[in-house]
Amino acid sequence: MTVLVDDPIWPAHGRLWAHLVSDADLEELHAFARLNDVPARAFDLDHYDVPEEMIPRLVAAGAAPVGGKELTRRLIASGLRVPARDRRGGH
């Protein structure tokens, strides 16, 4: 399994946000998030929303930085991707 984090390009709440995903297993993603103090409330069906300032710590802990297109491609390939039409309220 690889945990991936993309570029923080999503503005919300006065900050930029990125996505933290697994390319294989949600349970391992949740374990990685817990170990790195990512709040459970940040989980959105197939990814965690993480603020820009958290990214260096996540990368130091083993998350692989990738561009947004690569993150999406690998999430789809994993079978874990939840399509936008199936999200609560969109994203």
PDB file of N, CA and C in Angstrom:
ATOM      1  N   MET A   1       0.829  -1.181   0.000  1.00  0.00           N
ATOM      2  CA  MET A   1       0.000   0.000   0.000  1.00  0.00           C
ATOM      3  C   MET A   1       0.871   1.241   0.000  1.00  0.00           C
ATOM      4  N   THR A   2       0.382   2.248  -0.694  1.00  0.00           N
ATOM      5  CA  THR A   2       1.026   3.551  -0.661  1.00  0.00           C
ATOM      6  C   THR A   2      -0.017   4.587  -0.282  1.00  0.00           C
ATOM      7  N   VAL A   3       0.338   5.438   0.650  1.00  0.00           N
ATOM      8  CA  VAL A   3      -0.497   6.588   0.975  1.00  0.00           C
ATOM      9  C   VAL A   3       0.016   7.743   0.135  1.00  0.00           C
ATOM     10  N   LEU A   4      -0.899   8.437  -0.519  1.00  0.00           N
ATOM     11  CA  LEU A   4      -0.557   9.528  -1.427  1.00  0.00           C
ATOM     12  C   LEU A   4      -1.158  10.830  -0.922  1.00  0.00           C
ATOM     13  N   VAL A   5      -0.473  11.930  -1.192  1.00  0.00           N
ATOM     14  CA  VAL A   5      -1.008  13.254  -0.882  1.00  0.00           C
ATOM     15  C   VAL A   5      -0.757  14.139  -2.099  1.00  0.00           C
ATOM     16  N   ASP A   6      -1.797  14.874  -2.508  1.00  0.00           N
ATOM     17  CA  ASP A   6      -1.636  15.721  -3.692  1.00  0.00           C
ATOM     18  C   ASP A   6      -1.311  17.154  -3.293  1.00  0.00           C
ATOM     19  N   ASP A   7      -1.232  18.013  -4.295  1.00  0.00           N
ATOM     20  CA  ASP A   7      -0.892  19.414  -4.080  1.00  0.00           C
ATOM     21  C   ASP A   7      -2.038  20.149  -3.384  1.00  0.00           C
ATOM     22  N   PRO A   8      -1.724  21.041  -2.473  1.00  0.00           N
ATOM     23  CA  PRO A   8      -2.763  21.795  -1.764  1.00  0.00           C
ATOM     24  C   PRO A   8      -3.281  22.948  -2.629  1.00  0.00           C
ATOM     25  N   ILE A   9      -4.295  22.663  -3.414  1.00  0.00           N
ATOM     26  CA  ILE A   9      -4.817  23.682  -4.337  1.00  0.00           C
ATOM     27  C   ILE A   9      -6.286  24.011  -4.080  1.00  0.00           C
ATOM     28  N   TRP A  10      -6.886  23.384  -3.076  1.00  0.00           N
ATOM     29  CA  TRP A  10      -8.323  23.545  -2.827  1.00  0.00           C
ATOM     30  C   TRP A  10      -8.549  24.543  -1.700  1.00  0.00           C
ATOM     31  N   PRO A  11      -9.021  25.759  -2.017  1.00  0.00           N
ATOM     32  CA  PRO A  11      -9.237  26.752  -0.967  1.00  0.00           C
ATOM     33  C   PRO A  11     -10.530  26.502  -0.192  1.00  0.00           C
ATOM     34  N   ALA A  12     -10.438  26.639   1.116  1.00  0.00           N
ATOM     35  CA  ALA A  12     -11.618  26.556   1.997  1.00  0.00           C
ATOM     36  C   ALA A  12     -11.198  27.037   3.379  1.00  0.00           C
ATOM     37  N   HIS A  13     -12.069  27.774   4.017  1.00  0.00           N
ATOM     38  CA  HIS A  13     -11.848  28.202   5.401  1.00  0.00           C
ATOM     39  C   HIS A  13     -10.537  28.979   5.577  1.00  0.00           C
ATOM     40  N   GLY A  14     -10.165  29.775   4.570  1.00  0.00           N
ATOM     41  CA  GLY A  14      -8.971  30.603   4.665  1.00  0.00           C
ATOM     42  C   GLY A  14      -7.653  29.871   4.540  1.00  0.00           C
ATOM     43  N   ARG A  15      -7.681  28.630   4.028  1.00  0.00           N
ATOM     44  CA  ARG A  15      -6.459  27.844   3.863  1.00  0.00           C
ATOM     45  C   ARG A  15      -6.534  27.079   2.550  1.00  0.00           C
ATOM     46  N   LEU A  16      -5.408  26.465   2.195  1.00  0.00           N
ATOM     47  CA  LEU A  16      -5.386  25.553   1.052  1.00  0.00           C
ATOM     48  C   LEU A  16      -5.363  24.127   1.579  1.00  0.00           C
ATOM     49  N   TRP A  17      -6.063  23.249   0.846  1.00  0.00           N
ATOM     50  CA  TRP A  17      -6.218  21.862   1.281  1.00  0.00           C
ATOM     51  C   TRP A  17      -5.756  20.900   0.197  1.00  0.00           C
ATOM     52  N   ALA A  18      -5.332  19.731   0.638  1.00  0.00           N
ATOM     53  CA  ALA A  18      -4.920  18.642  -0.242  1.00  0.00           C
ATOM     54  C   ALA A  18      -5.742  17.407   0.121  1.00  0.00           C
ATOM     55  N   HIS A  19      -5.524  16.336  -0.630  1.00  0.00           N
ATOM     56  CA  HIS A  19      -6.213  15.071  -0.387  1.00  0.00           C
ATOM     57  C   HIS A  19      -5.195  14.006   0.003  1.00  0.00           C
ATOM     58  N   LEU A  20      -5.527  13.211   0.978  1.00  0.00           N
ATOM     59  CA  LEU A  20      -4.720  12.085   1.425  1.00  0.00           C
ATOM     60  C   LEU A  20      -5.509  10.821   1.112  1.00  0.00           C
ATOM     61  N   VAL A  21      -4.913   9.917   0.320  1.00  0.00           N
ATOM     62  CA  VAL A  21      -5.611   8.699  -0.101  1.00  0.00           C
ATOM     63  C   VAL A  21      -4.689   7.486   0.014  1.00  0.00           C
ATOM     64  N   SER A  22      -5.295   6.323  -0.084  1.00  0.00           N
ATOM     65  CA  SER A  22      -4.559   5.072  -0.222  1.00  0.00           C
ATOM     66  C   SER A  22      -4.769   4.553  -1.638  1.00  0.00           C
ATOM     67  N   ASP A  23      -3.750   3.915  -2.173  1.00  0.00           N
ATOM     68  CA  ASP A  23      -3.922   3.296  -3.491  1.00  0.00           C
ATOM     69  C   ASP A  23      -4.316   1.829  -3.366  1.00  0.00           C
ATOM     70  N   ALA A  24      -4.685   1.395  -2.125  1.00  0.00           N
ATOM     71  CA  ALA A  24      -5.010  -0.020  -1.965  1.00  0.00           C
ATOM     72  C   ALA A  24      -6.050  -0.340  -0.891  1.00  0.00           C
ATOM     73  N   ASP A  25      -6.033   0.361   0.258  1.00  0.00           N
ATOM     74  CA  ASP A  25      -6.805  -0.129   1.392  1.00  0.00           C
ATOM     75  C   ASP A  25      -7.225   1.008   2.326  1.00  0.00           C
ATOM     76  N   LEU A  26      -8.519   1.157   2.539  1.00  0.00           N
ATOM     77  CA  LEU A  26      -9.007   2.218   3.422  1.00  0.00           C
ATOM     78  C   LEU A  26      -8.601   2.005   4.874  1.00  0.00           C
ATOM     79  N   GLU A  27      -8.551   0.783   5.336  1.00  0.00           N
ATOM     80  CA  GLU A  27      -8.166   0.548   6.737  1.00  0.00           C
ATOM     81  C   GLU A  27      -6.740   1.016   6.994  1.00  0.00           C
ATOM     82  N   GLU A  28      -5.841   0.753   6.054  1.00  0.00           N
ATOM     83  CA  GLU A  28      -4.467   1.231   6.229  1.00  0.00           C
ATOM     84  C   GLU A  28      -4.403   2.754   6.122  1.00  0.00           C
ATOM     85  N   LEU A  29      -5.245   3.356   5.284  1.00  0.00           N
ATOM     86  CA  LEU A  29      -5.316   4.810   5.210  1.00  0.00           C
ATOM     87  C   LEU A  29      -5.761   5.375   6.558  1.00  0.00           C
ATOM     88  N   HIS A  30      -6.805   4.778   7.148  1.00  0.00           N
ATOM     89  CA  HIS A  30      -7.284   5.244   8.453  1.00  0.00           C
ATOM     90  C   HIS A  30      -6.194   5.091   9.524  1.00  0.00           C
ATOM     91  N   ALA A  31      -5.467   3.985   9.482  1.00  0.00           N
ATOM     92  CA  ALA A  31      -4.385   3.777  10.456  1.00  0.00           C
ATOM     93  C   ALA A  31      -3.300   4.837  10.287  1.00  0.00           C
ATOM     94  N   PHE A  32      -2.924   5.139   9.041  1.00  0.00           N
ATOM     95  CA  PHE A  32      -1.925   6.172   8.771  1.00  0.00           C
ATOM     96  C   PHE A  32      -2.425   7.522   9.288  1.00  0.00           C
ATOM     97  N   ALA A  33      -3.681   7.820   9.028  1.00  0.00           N
ATOM     98  CA  ALA A  33      -4.263   9.081   9.480  1.00  0.00           C
ATOM     99  C   ALA A  33      -4.238   9.179  11.006  1.00  0.00           C
ATOM    100  N   ARG A  34      -4.639   8.106  11.681  1.00  0.00           N
ATOM    101  CA  ARG A  34      -4.632   8.108  13.157  1.00  0.00           C
ATOM    102  C   ARG A  34      -3.223   8.336  13.697  1.00  0.00           C
ATOM    103  N   LEU A  35      -2.243   7.633  13.129  1.00  0.00           N
ATOM    104  CA  LEU A  35      -0.854   7.762  13.585  1.00  0.00           C
ATOM    105  C   LEU A  35      -0.302   9.164  13.383  1.00  0.00           C
ATOM    106  N   ASN A  36      -0.894   9.896  12.449  1.00  0.00           N
ATOM    107  CA  ASN A  36      -0.381  11.225  12.114  1.00  0.00           C
ATOM    108  C   ASN A  36      -1.334  12.348  12.498  1.00  0.00           C
ATOM    109  N   ASP A  37      -2.237  12.047  13.422  1.00  0.00           N
ATOM    110  CA  ASP A  37      -3.146  13.045  13.995  1.00  0.00           C
ATOM    111  C   ASP A  37      -4.011  13.770  12.967  1.00  0.00           C
ATOM    112  N   VAL A  38      -4.428  13.044  11.932  1.00  0.00           N
ATOM    113  CA  VAL A  38      -5.403  13.593  10.990  1.00  0.00           C
ATOM    114  C   VAL A  38      -6.777  13.299  11.594  1.00  0.00           C
ATOM    115  N   PRO A  39      -7.575  14.327  11.852  1.00  0.00           N
ATOM    116  CA  PRO A  39      -8.864  14.090  12.512  1.00  0.00           C
ATOM    117  C   PRO A  39      -9.801  13.206  11.686  1.00  0.00           C
ATOM    118  N   ALA A  40     -10.526  12.333  12.346  1.00  0.00           N
ATOM    119  CA  ALA A  40     -11.481  11.454  11.662  1.00  0.00           C
ATOM    120  C   ALA A  40     -12.513  12.255  10.881  1.00  0.00           C
ATOM    121  N   ARG A  41     -12.875  13.437  11.381  1.00  0.00           N
ATOM    122  CA  ARG A  41     -13.874  14.269  10.687  1.00  0.00           C
ATOM    123  C   ARG A  41     -13.386  14.750   9.325  1.00  0.00           C
ATOM    124  N   ALA A  42     -12.085  14.634   9.042  1.00  0.00           N
ATOM    125  CA  ALA A  42     -11.516  15.060   7.760  1.00  0.00           C
ATOM    126  C   ALA A  42     -11.733  14.021   6.660  1.00  0.00           C
ATOM    127  N   PHE A  43     -12.261  12.834   7.019  1.00  0.00           N
ATOM    128  CA  PHE A  43     -12.470  11.775   6.032  1.00  0.00           C
ATOM    129  C   PHE A  43     -13.744  12.041   5.239  1.00  0.00           C
ATOM    130  N   ASP A  44     -13.638  11.901   3.912  1.00  0.00           N
ATOM    131  CA  ASP A  44     -14.776  12.138   3.014  1.00  0.00           C
ATOM    132  C   ASP A  44     -14.902  10.972   2.028  1.00  0.00           C
ATOM    133  N   LEU A  45     -15.407   9.854   2.508  1.00  0.00           N
ATOM    134  CA  LEU A  45     -15.735   8.655   1.735  1.00  0.00           C
ATOM    135  C   LEU A  45     -14.557   7.902   1.136  1.00  0.00           C
ATOM    136  N   ASP A  46     -13.599   8.588   0.510  1.00  0.00           N
ATOM    137  CA  ASP A  46     -12.448   7.879  -0.075  1.00  0.00           C
ATOM    138  C   ASP A  46     -11.128   8.613   0.141  1.00  0.00           C
ATOM    139  N   HIS A  47     -11.172   9.726   0.875  1.00  0.00           N
ATOM    140  CA  HIS A  47      -9.959  10.511   1.117  1.00  0.00           C
ATOM    141  C   HIS A  47     -10.118  11.352   2.385  1.00  0.00           C
ATOM    142  N   TYR A  48      -8.987  11.815   2.870  1.00  0.00           N
ATOM    143  CA  TYR A  48      -8.974  12.808   3.940  1.00  0.00           C
ATOM    144  C   TYR A  48      -8.625  14.153   3.319  1.00  0.00           C
ATOM    145  N   ASP A  49      -9.298  15.200   3.750  1.00  0.00           N
ATOM    146  CA  ASP A  49      -8.902  16.559   3.410  1.00  0.00           C
ATOM    147  C   ASP A  49      -7.886  16.995   4.459  1.00  0.00           C
ATOM    148  N   VAL A  50      -6.712  17.423   3.990  1.00  0.00           N
ATOM    149  CA  VAL A  50      -5.646  17.830   4.917  1.00  0.00           C
ATOM    150  C   VAL A  50      -5.159  19.230   4.565  1.00  0.00           C
ATOM    151  N   PRO A  51      -4.907  20.057   5.578  1.00  0.00           N
ATOM    152  CA  PRO A  51      -4.439  21.412   5.315  1.00  0.00           C
ATOM    153  C   PRO A  51      -2.979  21.415   4.845  1.00  0.00           C
ATOM    154  N   GLU A  52      -2.666  22.424   4.082  1.00  0.00           N
ATOM    155  CA  GLU A  52      -1.323  22.567   3.495  1.00  0.00           C
ATOM    156  C   GLU A  52      -0.211  22.412   4.526  1.00  0.00           C
ATOM    157  N   GLU A  53      -0.394  22.988   5.696  1.00  0.00           N
ATOM    158  CA  GLU A  53       0.690  22.959   6.682  1.00  0.00           C
ATOM    159  C   GLU A  53       0.953  21.564   7.244  1.00  0.00           C
ATOM    160  N   MET A  54       0.051  20.624   7.052  1.00  0.00           N
ATOM    161  CA  MET A  54       0.237  19.254   7.535  1.00  0.00           C
ATOM    162  C   MET A  54       1.055  18.403   6.557  1.00  0.00           C
ATOM    163  N   ILE A  55       1.145  18.817   5.317  1.00  0.00           N
ATOM    164  CA  ILE A  55       1.767  17.983   4.280  1.00  0.00           C
ATOM    165  C   ILE A  55       3.215  17.603   4.579  1.00  0.00           C
ATOM    166  N   PRO A  56       4.096  18.521   4.995  1.00  0.00           N
ATOM    167  CA  PRO A  56       5.481  18.088   5.270  1.00  0.00           C
ATOM    168  C   PRO A  56       5.565  16.965   6.297  1.00  0.00           C
ATOM    169  N   ARG A  57       4.729  17.022   7.329  1.00  0.00           N
ATOM    170  CA  ARG A  57       4.730  15.970   8.356  1.00  0.00           C
ATOM    171  C   ARG A  57       4.228  14.644   7.783  1.00  0.00           C
ATOM    172  N   LEU A  58       3.209  14.706   6.921  1.00  0.00           N
ATOM    173  CA  LEU A  58       2.683  13.484   6.313  1.00  0.00           C
ATOM    174  C   LEU A  58       3.698  12.848   5.369  1.00  0.00           C
ATOM    175  N   VAL A  59       4.390  13.682   4.621  1.00  0.00           N
ATOM    176  CA  VAL A  59       5.427  13.170   3.712  1.00  0.00           C
ATOM    177  C   VAL A  59       6.571  12.555   4.524  1.00  0.00           C
ATOM    178  N   ALA A  60       6.976  13.218   5.591  1.00  0.00           N
ATOM    179  CA  ALA A  60       8.035  12.676   6.449  1.00  0.00           C
ATOM    180  C   ALA A  60       7.637  11.327   7.044  1.00  0.00           C
ATOM    181  N   ALA A  61       6.328  11.126   7.250  1.00  0.00           N
ATOM    182  CA  ALA A  61       5.823   9.867   7.811  1.00  0.00           C
ATOM    183  C   ALA A  61       5.635   8.787   6.753  1.00  0.00           C
ATOM    184  N   GLY A  62       5.837   9.142   5.470  1.00  0.00           N
ATOM    185  CA  GLY A  62       5.768   8.125   4.427  1.00  0.00           C
ATOM    186  C   GLY A  62       4.775   8.363   3.313  1.00  0.00           C
ATOM    187  N   ALA A  63       3.955   9.410   3.385  1.00  0.00           N
ATOM    188  CA  ALA A  63       3.027   9.694   2.286  1.00  0.00           C
ATOM    189  C   ALA A  63       3.823  10.150   1.065  1.00  0.00           C
ATOM    190  N   ALA A  64       3.433   9.659  -0.097  1.00  0.00           N
ATOM    191  CA  ALA A  64       4.114  10.017  -1.338  1.00  0.00           C
ATOM    192  C   ALA A  64       3.416  11.219  -1.971  1.00  0.00           C
ATOM    193  N   PRO A  65       4.165  12.313  -2.199  1.00  0.00           N
ATOM    194  CA  PRO A  65       3.549  13.471  -2.851  1.00  0.00           C
ATOM    195  C   PRO A  65       3.382  13.222  -4.345  1.00  0.00           C
ATOM    196  N   VAL A  66       2.186  13.491  -4.844  1.00  0.00           N
ATOM    197  CA  VAL A  66       1.886  13.319  -6.269  1.00  0.00           C
ATOM    198  C   VAL A  66       0.985  14.469  -6.715  1.00  0.00           C
ATOM    199  N   GLY A  67       0.917  14.688  -8.008  1.00  0.00           N
ATOM    200  CA  GLY A  67      -0.017  15.674  -8.538  1.00  0.00           C
ATOM    201  C   GLY A  67      -1.444  15.160  -8.438  1.00  0.00           C
ATOM    202  N   GLY A  68      -2.377  16.066  -8.571  1.00  0.00           N
ATOM    203  CA  GLY A  68      -3.786  15.707  -8.448  1.00  0.00           C
ATOM    204  C   GLY A  68      -4.251  14.692  -9.469  1.00  0.00           C
ATOM    205  N   LYS A  69      -3.784  14.797 -10.701  1.00  0.00           N
ATOM    206  CA  LYS A  69      -4.194  13.834 -11.737  1.00  0.00           C
ATOM    207  C   LYS A  69      -3.683  12.437 -11.418  1.00  0.00           C
ATOM    208  N   GLU A  70      -2.439  12.356 -10.940  1.00  0.00           N
ATOM    209  CA  GLU A  70      -1.875  11.053 -10.574  1.00  0.00           C
ATOM    210  C   GLU A  70      -2.620  10.463  -9.380  1.00  0.00           C
ATOM    211  N   LEU A  71      -2.921  11.292  -8.387  1.00  0.00           N
ATOM    212  CA  LEU A  71      -3.665  10.818  -7.226  1.00  0.00           C
ATOM    213  C   LEU A  71      -5.016  10.257  -7.658  1.00  0.00           C
ATOM    214  N   THR A  72      -5.723  10.979  -8.507  1.00  0.00           N
ATOM    215  CA  THR A  72      -7.032  10.521  -8.980  1.00  0.00           C
ATOM    216  C   THR A  72      -6.904   9.240  -9.786  1.00  0.00           C
ATOM    217  N   ARG A  73      -5.919   9.170 -10.663  1.00  0.00           N
ATOM    218  CA  ARG A  73      -5.720   7.969 -11.480  1.00  0.00           C
ATOM    219  C   ARG A  73      -5.488   6.746 -10.590  1.00  0.00           C
ATOM    220  N   ARG A  74      -4.640   6.894  -9.580  1.00  0.00           N
ATOM    221  CA  ARG A  74      -4.328   5.760  -8.709  1.00  0.00           C
ATOM    222  C   ARG A  74      -5.495   5.408  -7.788  1.00  0.00           C
ATOM    223  N   LEU A  75      -6.258   6.393  -7.377  1.00  0.00           N
ATOM    224  CA  LEU A  75      -7.439   6.116  -6.558  1.00  0.00           C
ATOM    225  C   LEU A  75      -8.485   5.361  -7.369  1.00  0.00           C
ATOM    226  N   ILE A  76      -8.703   5.756  -8.594  1.00  0.00           N
ATOM    227  CA  ILE A  76      -9.637   5.036  -9.469  1.00  0.00           C
ATOM    228  C   ILE A  76      -9.149   3.611  -9.698  1.00  0.00           C
ATOM    229  N   ALA A  77      -7.861   3.447 -10.002  1.00  0.00           N
ATOM    230  CA  ALA A  77      -7.295   2.117 -10.257  1.00  0.00           C
ATOM    231  C   ALA A  77      -7.420   1.207  -9.039  1.00  0.00           C
ATOM    232  N   SER A  78      -7.427   1.782  -7.841  1.00  0.00           N
ATOM    233  CA  SER A  78      -7.523   0.980  -6.620  1.00  0.00           C
ATOM    234  C   SER A  78      -8.928   0.421  -6.402  1.00  0.00           C
ATOM    235  N   GLY A  79      -9.919   1.026  -7.070  1.00  0.00           N
ATOM    236  CA  GLY A  79     -11.298   0.627  -6.844  1.00  0.00           C
ATOM    237  C   GLY A  79     -11.936   1.317  -5.649  1.00  0.00           C
ATOM    238  N   LEU A  80     -11.206   2.213  -5.002  1.00  0.00           N
ATOM    239  CA  LEU A  80     -11.707   2.894  -3.807  1.00  0.00           C
ATOM    240  C   LEU A  80     -12.395   4.223  -4.110  1.00  0.00           C
ATOM    241  N   ARG A  81     -12.273   4.725  -5.311  1.00  0.00           N
ATOM    242  CA  ARG A  81     -12.812   6.039  -5.671  1.00  0.00           C
ATOM    243  C   ARG A  81     -14.332   6.065  -5.557  1.00  0.00           C
ATOM    244  N   VAL A  82     -14.849   7.092  -4.912  1.00  0.00           N
ATOM    245  CA  VAL A  82     -16.288   7.333  -4.841  1.00  0.00           C
ATOM    246  C   VAL A  82     -16.574   8.470  -5.826  1.00  0.00           C
ATOM    247  N   PRO A  83     -17.347   8.216  -6.885  1.00  0.00           N
ATOM    248  CA  PRO A  83     -17.620   9.257  -7.880  1.00  0.00           C
ATOM    249  C   PRO A  83     -18.338  10.464  -7.274  1.00  0.00           C
ATOM    250  N   ALA A  84     -18.117  11.622  -7.877  1.00  0.00           N
ATOM    251  CA  ALA A  84     -18.705  12.870  -7.375  1.00  0.00           C
ATOM    252  C   ALA A  84     -20.224  12.760  -7.254  1.00  0.00           C
ATOM    253  N   ARG A  85     -20.861  12.069  -8.183  1.00  0.00           N
ATOM    254  CA  ARG A  85     -22.322  11.967  -8.143  1.00  0.00           C
ATOM    255  C   ARG A  85     -22.824  11.203  -6.914  1.00  0.00           C
ATOM    256  N   ASP A  86     -21.941  10.399  -6.300  1.00  0.00           N
ATOM    257  CA  ASP A  86     -22.327   9.619  -5.129  1.00  0.00           C
ATOM    258  C   ASP A  86     -21.943  10.291  -3.799  1.00  0.00           C
ATOM    259  N   ARG A  87     -21.355  11.475  -3.873  1.00  0.00           N
ATOM    260  CA  ARG A  87     -20.922  12.175  -2.657  1.00  0.00           C
ATOM    261  C   ARG A  87     -22.079  12.943  -2.046  1.00  0.00           C
ATOM    262  N   ARG A  88     -22.039  13.079  -0.747  1.00  0.00           N
ATOM    263  CA  ARG A  88     -23.038  13.893  -0.068  1.00  0.00           C
ATOM    264  C   ARG A  88     -22.711  15.361  -0.284  1.00  0.00           C
ATOM    265  N   GLY A  89     -23.576  16.068  -0.979  1.00  0.00           N
ATOM    266  CA  GLY A  89     -23.375  17.489  -1.184  1.00  0.00           C
ATOM    267  C   GLY A  89     -22.286  17.858  -2.168  1.00  0.00           C
ATOM    268  N   GLY A  90     -21.677  16.875  -2.854  1.00  0.00           N
ATOM    269  CA  GLY A  90     -20.614  17.174  -3.806  1.00  0.00           C
ATOM    270  C   GLY A  90     -19.325  17.571  -3.119  1.00  0.00           C
ATOM    271  N   HIS A  91     -18.237  17.679  -3.902  1.00  0.00           N
ATOM    272  CA  HIS A  91     -16.942  18.084  -3.347  1.00  0.00           C
ATOM    273  C   HIS A  91     -16.107  18.711  -4.418  1.00  0.00           C
TER     274      HIS A  91
END
